Amino acid sequence: MNIEVELDPALRELLVKILAPGETEELAALLARLEGEPPALLGFREGGAVPLDPAELLRFYGEDKEVRAQTLNGEIYTVRQRLYELEERLDRRTFLRLSHSEIVNWKRVTALDLSLTGTIRVTLEGGVTTYVSRRYVKKIKEVLGI
């Protein structure tokens, strides 16, 4: 993506013009960002709610018919969105679906063990270990370029 900025004192308000070769996921994501910030992602714990910063999250996972969010410091929150809703809402370059029940923050991955047959072991910051399900191995390998 190329970005050009032109300053024009004659303009009374900000004007954004996007030139694209066609409709793409990148264009749709950019338009969504420009149109406004999505509502805060809230985590619930002990009767209270706190806004969650996606950059501070390790993973989302299903447990006891609820979706949990785990932060970098190990805190666990319940979120009210389903995993498929989070997958649509979160940055696809940062958060990747590893299985039917888990999405991880790819920027927080510290190691990958590819020696296992049929799966990949993923280690996140803080030593949290999880696995890519067989169904998602091909997709993850494509992302990694292997």
C-alpha atoms as a PDB file:
ATOM      1  CA  MET A   1       0.000   0.000   0.000  1.00  0.00           C
ATOM      2  CA  ASN A   2       1.305   3.445  -0.926  1.00  0.00           C
ATOM      3  CA  ILE A   3       0.333   6.477   1.129  1.00  0.00           C
ATOM      4  CA  GLU A   4       0.497  10.066  -0.096  1.00  0.00           C
ATOM      5  CA  VAL A   5      -0.450  13.129   1.923  1.00  0.00           C
ATOM      6  CA  GLU A   6      -1.147  16.510   0.333  1.00  0.00           C
ATOM      7  CA  LEU A   7      -1.755  19.591   2.449  1.00  0.00           C
ATOM      8  CA  ASP A   8      -4.243  22.057   0.947  1.00  0.00           C
ATOM      9  CA  PRO A   9      -5.030  25.153   3.053  1.00  0.00           C
ATOM     10  CA  ALA A  10      -8.110  25.805   0.894  1.00  0.00           C
ATOM     11  CA  LEU A  11      -9.876  22.726   2.331  1.00  0.00           C
ATOM     12  CA  ARG A  12     -12.238  23.312   5.245  1.00  0.00           C
ATOM     13  CA  GLU A  13     -12.234  19.700   6.425  1.00  0.00           C
ATOM     14  CA  LEU A  14     -10.211  16.535   5.989  1.00  0.00           C
ATOM     15  CA  LEU A  15     -10.723  14.786   2.636  1.00  0.00           C
ATOM     16  CA  VAL A  16      -9.657  11.180   2.159  1.00  0.00           C
ATOM     17  CA  LYS A  17      -9.456   9.789  -1.375  1.00  0.00           C
ATOM     18  CA  ILE A  18      -8.611   6.117  -1.913  1.00  0.00           C
ATOM     19  CA  LEU A  19      -7.463   4.739  -5.257  1.00  0.00           C
ATOM     20  CA  ALA A  20      -7.648   0.962  -5.530  1.00  0.00           C
ATOM     21  CA  PRO A  21      -7.409  -1.588  -8.349  1.00  0.00           C
ATOM     22  CA  GLY A  22     -10.603  -3.270  -7.116  1.00  0.00           C
ATOM     23  CA  GLU A  23     -12.490  -4.327  -4.029  1.00  0.00           C
ATOM     24  CA  THR A  24     -10.228  -6.288  -1.685  1.00  0.00           C
ATOM     25  CA  GLU A  25     -10.212  -7.357   1.961  1.00  0.00           C
ATOM     26  CA  GLU A  26      -7.502  -4.766   2.604  1.00  0.00           C
ATOM     27  CA  LEU A  27      -9.709  -2.022   1.159  1.00  0.00           C
ATOM     28  CA  ALA A  28     -12.721  -3.157   3.196  1.00  0.00           C
ATOM     29  CA  ALA A  29     -10.647  -3.190   6.399  1.00  0.00           C
ATOM     30  CA  LEU A  30      -9.275   0.280   5.663  1.00  0.00           C
ATOM     31  CA  LEU A  31     -12.747   1.677   5.004  1.00  0.00           C
ATOM     32  CA  ALA A  32     -14.040   0.146   8.225  1.00  0.00           C
ATOM     33  CA  ARG A  33     -11.232   1.828  10.148  1.00  0.00           C
ATOM     34  CA  LEU A  34     -11.822   5.188   8.525  1.00  0.00           C
ATOM     35  CA  GLU A  35     -15.562   5.082   9.101  1.00  0.00           C
ATOM     36  CA  GLY A  36     -15.085   4.905  12.829  1.00  0.00           C
ATOM     37  CA  GLU A  37     -13.642   2.968  15.677  1.00  0.00           C
ATOM     38  CA  PRO A  38     -15.481  -0.223  16.522  1.00  0.00           C
ATOM     39  CA  PRO A  39     -17.028  -0.367  19.948  1.00  0.00           C
ATOM     40  CA  ALA A  40     -14.575  -1.300  22.662  1.00  0.00           C
ATOM     41  CA  LEU A  41     -13.921  -4.975  23.218  1.00  0.00           C
ATOM     42  CA  LEU A  42     -15.060  -5.592  26.782  1.00  0.00           C
ATOM     43  CA  GLY A  43     -13.788  -8.278  29.110  1.00  0.00           C
ATOM     44  CA  PHE A  44     -15.901  -9.353  32.077  1.00  0.00           C
ATOM     45  CA  ARG A  45     -14.598 -10.676  35.385  1.00  0.00           C
ATOM     46  CA  GLU A  46     -15.846 -10.682  38.974  1.00  0.00           C
ATOM     47  CA  GLY A  47     -18.938  -8.648  38.185  1.00  0.00           C
ATOM     48  CA  GLY A  48     -17.042  -5.869  36.403  1.00  0.00           C
ATOM     49  CA  ALA A  49     -16.188  -5.001  32.833  1.00  0.00           C
ATOM     50  CA  VAL A  50     -12.950  -3.572  31.459  1.00  0.00           C
ATOM     51  CA  PRO A  51     -12.011  -2.480  27.930  1.00  0.00           C
ATOM     52  CA  LEU A  52      -9.471  -4.868  26.402  1.00  0.00           C
ATOM     53  CA  ASP A  53      -6.640  -3.641  24.198  1.00  0.00           C
ATOM     54  CA  PRO A  54      -6.171  -6.206  21.404  1.00  0.00           C
ATOM     55  CA  ALA A  55      -2.412  -5.538  21.399  1.00  0.00           C
ATOM     56  CA  GLU A  56      -2.259  -6.740  25.024  1.00  0.00           C
ATOM     57  CA  LEU A  57      -4.050 -10.033  24.367  1.00  0.00           C
ATOM     58  CA  LEU A  58      -2.417 -13.421  23.859  1.00  0.00           C
ATOM     59  CA  ARG A  59      -5.418 -15.412  22.748  1.00  0.00           C
ATOM     60  CA  PHE A  60      -9.147 -16.040  22.710  1.00  0.00           C
ATOM     61  CA  TYR A  61     -10.416 -19.537  23.391  1.00  0.00           C
ATOM     62  CA  GLY A  62     -13.602 -21.422  24.112  1.00  0.00           C
ATOM     63  CA  GLU A  63     -14.089 -22.872  27.594  1.00  0.00           C
ATOM     64  CA  ASP A  64     -17.240 -23.992  29.424  1.00  0.00           C
ATOM     65  CA  LYS A  65     -19.481 -22.746  26.577  1.00  0.00           C
ATOM     66  CA  GLU A  66     -18.018 -19.231  26.890  1.00  0.00           C
ATOM     67  CA  VAL A  67     -15.257 -17.336  25.104  1.00  0.00           C
ATOM     68  CA  ARG A  68     -12.269 -16.301  27.203  1.00  0.00           C
ATOM     69  CA  ALA A  69      -9.566 -13.724  26.503  1.00  0.00           C
ATOM     70  CA  GLN A  70      -6.124 -14.161  28.035  1.00  0.00           C
ATOM     71  CA  THR A  71      -3.908 -11.109  28.476  1.00  0.00           C
ATOM     72  CA  LEU A  72      -0.111 -10.859  28.432  1.00  0.00           C
ATOM     73  CA  ASN A  73       0.005 -10.836  32.234  1.00  0.00           C
ATOM     74  CA  GLY A  74      -2.097 -14.001  32.440  1.00  0.00           C
ATOM     75  CA  GLU A  75      -5.443 -12.456  33.399  1.00  0.00           C
ATOM     76  CA  ILE A  76      -8.481 -14.267  32.022  1.00  0.00           C
ATOM     77  CA  TYR A  77     -11.649 -12.424  31.005  1.00  0.00           C
ATOM     78  CA  THR A  78     -14.937 -13.593  29.532  1.00  0.00           C
ATOM     79  CA  VAL A  79     -15.995 -11.842  26.323  1.00  0.00           C
ATOM     80  CA  ARG A  80     -19.534 -11.810  24.973  1.00  0.00           C
ATOM     81  CA  GLN A  81     -18.634 -12.257  21.306  1.00  0.00           C
ATOM     82  CA  ARG A  82     -18.351 -15.646  19.665  1.00  0.00           C
ATOM     83  CA  LEU A  83     -15.019 -16.669  18.142  1.00  0.00           C
ATOM     84  CA  TYR A  84     -16.307 -16.184  14.591  1.00  0.00           C
ATOM     85  CA  GLU A  85     -17.391 -12.624  15.507  1.00  0.00           C
ATOM     86  CA  LEU A  86     -13.962 -11.896  16.976  1.00  0.00           C
ATOM     87  CA  GLU A  87     -12.288 -13.339  13.886  1.00  0.00           C
ATOM     88  CA  GLU A  88     -14.265 -10.911  11.694  1.00  0.00           C
ATOM     89  CA  ARG A  89     -13.627  -7.957  13.995  1.00  0.00           C
ATOM     90  CA  LEU A  90      -9.920  -8.353  14.795  1.00  0.00           C
ATOM     91  CA  ASP A  91      -7.025  -7.515  12.471  1.00  0.00           C
ATOM     92  CA  ARG A  92      -6.512 -10.606  10.296  1.00  0.00           C
ATOM     93  CA  ARG A  93      -2.787  -9.919  10.027  1.00  0.00           C
ATOM     94  CA  THR A  94      -2.423 -10.082  13.820  1.00  0.00           C
ATOM     95  CA  PHE A  95      -5.001 -12.604  15.015  1.00  0.00           C
ATOM     96  CA  LEU A  96      -5.106 -16.061  13.453  1.00  0.00           C
ATOM     97  CA  ARG A  97      -7.535 -18.896  13.988  1.00  0.00           C
ATOM     98  CA  LEU A  98      -5.676 -22.057  15.036  1.00  0.00           C
ATOM     99  CA  SER A  99      -8.648 -24.299  15.666  1.00  0.00           C
ATOM    100  CA  HIS A 100     -12.399 -24.342  16.065  1.00  0.00           C
ATOM    101  CA  SER A 101     -11.938 -23.107  19.632  1.00  0.00           C
ATOM    102  CA  GLU A 102      -8.926 -20.750  19.543  1.00  0.00           C
ATOM    103  CA  ILE A 103      -7.614 -17.525  18.009  1.00  0.00           C
ATOM    104  CA  VAL A 104      -4.090 -16.325  18.875  1.00  0.00           C
ATOM    105  CA  ASN A 105      -2.244 -13.028  18.619  1.00  0.00           C
ATOM    106  CA  TRP A 106       0.405 -13.886  16.016  1.00  0.00           C
ATOM    107  CA  LYS A 107       2.646 -11.051  17.253  1.00  0.00           C
ATOM    108  CA  ARG A 108       2.910 -12.860  20.608  1.00  0.00           C
ATOM    109  CA  VAL A 109       4.082 -16.205  19.188  1.00  0.00           C
ATOM    110  CA  THR A 110       7.575 -17.065  20.423  1.00  0.00           C
ATOM    111  CA  ALA A 111       8.083 -20.530  18.907  1.00  0.00           C
ATOM    112  CA  LEU A 112       6.617 -23.036  16.465  1.00  0.00           C
ATOM    113  CA  ASP A 113       7.308 -26.767  16.621  1.00  0.00           C
ATOM    114  CA  LEU A 114       6.795 -28.222  13.147  1.00  0.00           C
ATOM    115  CA  SER A 115       8.233 -31.657  14.009  1.00  0.00           C
ATOM    116  CA  LEU A 116       4.878 -33.069  15.098  1.00  0.00           C
ATOM    117  CA  THR A 117       3.023 -35.112  12.496  1.00  0.00           C
ATOM    118  CA  GLY A 118      -0.235 -33.537  11.408  1.00  0.00           C
ATOM    119  CA  THR A 119      -0.132 -30.484  13.670  1.00  0.00           C
ATOM    120  CA  ILE A 120       1.987 -27.556  14.841  1.00  0.00           C
ATOM    121  CA  ARG A 121       2.714 -26.702  18.471  1.00  0.00           C
ATOM    122  CA  VAL A 122       2.577 -22.938  19.081  1.00  0.00           C
ATOM    123  CA  THR A 123       4.246 -21.308  22.083  1.00  0.00           C
ATOM    124  CA  LEU A 124       3.101 -17.837  23.093  1.00  0.00           C
ATOM    125  CA  GLU A 125       4.714 -15.276  25.388  1.00  0.00           C
ATOM    126  CA  GLY A 126       4.601 -16.420  28.984  1.00  0.00           C
ATOM    127  CA  GLY A 127       5.091 -20.050  27.959  1.00  0.00           C
ATOM    128  CA  VAL A 128       1.467 -20.682  26.986  1.00  0.00           C
ATOM    129  CA  THR A 129       1.399 -23.649  24.603  1.00  0.00           C
ATOM    130  CA  THR A 130      -1.365 -24.550  22.185  1.00  0.00           C
ATOM    131  CA  TYR A 131      -1.762 -26.573  18.993  1.00  0.00           C
ATOM    132  CA  VAL A 132      -2.971 -25.919  15.477  1.00  0.00           C
ATOM    133  CA  SER A 133      -5.753 -28.340  14.632  1.00  0.00           C
ATOM    134  CA  ARG A 134      -5.278 -30.518  11.547  1.00  0.00           C
ATOM    135  CA  ARG A 135      -8.052 -28.613   9.802  1.00  0.00           C
ATOM    136  CA  TYR A 136      -6.082 -25.320  10.076  1.00  0.00           C
ATOM    137  CA  VAL A 137      -2.516 -26.597   9.472  1.00  0.00           C
ATOM    138  CA  LYS A 138      -2.601 -25.903   5.719  1.00  0.00           C
ATOM    139  CA  LYS A 139      -3.829 -22.332   6.281  1.00  0.00           C
ATOM    140  CA  ILE A 140      -1.155 -21.623   8.892  1.00  0.00           C
ATOM    141  CA  LYS A 141       1.574 -23.051   6.663  1.00  0.00           C
ATOM    142  CA  GLU A 142       0.408 -20.754   3.852  1.00  0.00           C
ATOM    143  CA  VAL A 143       0.620 -17.772   6.209  1.00  0.00           C
ATOM    144  CA  LEU A 144       4.146 -18.840   7.177  1.00  0.00           C
ATOM    145  CA  GLY A 145       5.145 -19.434   3.567  1.00  0.00           C
ATOM    146  CA  ILE A 146       6.113 -23.096   4.080  1.00  0.00           C
END
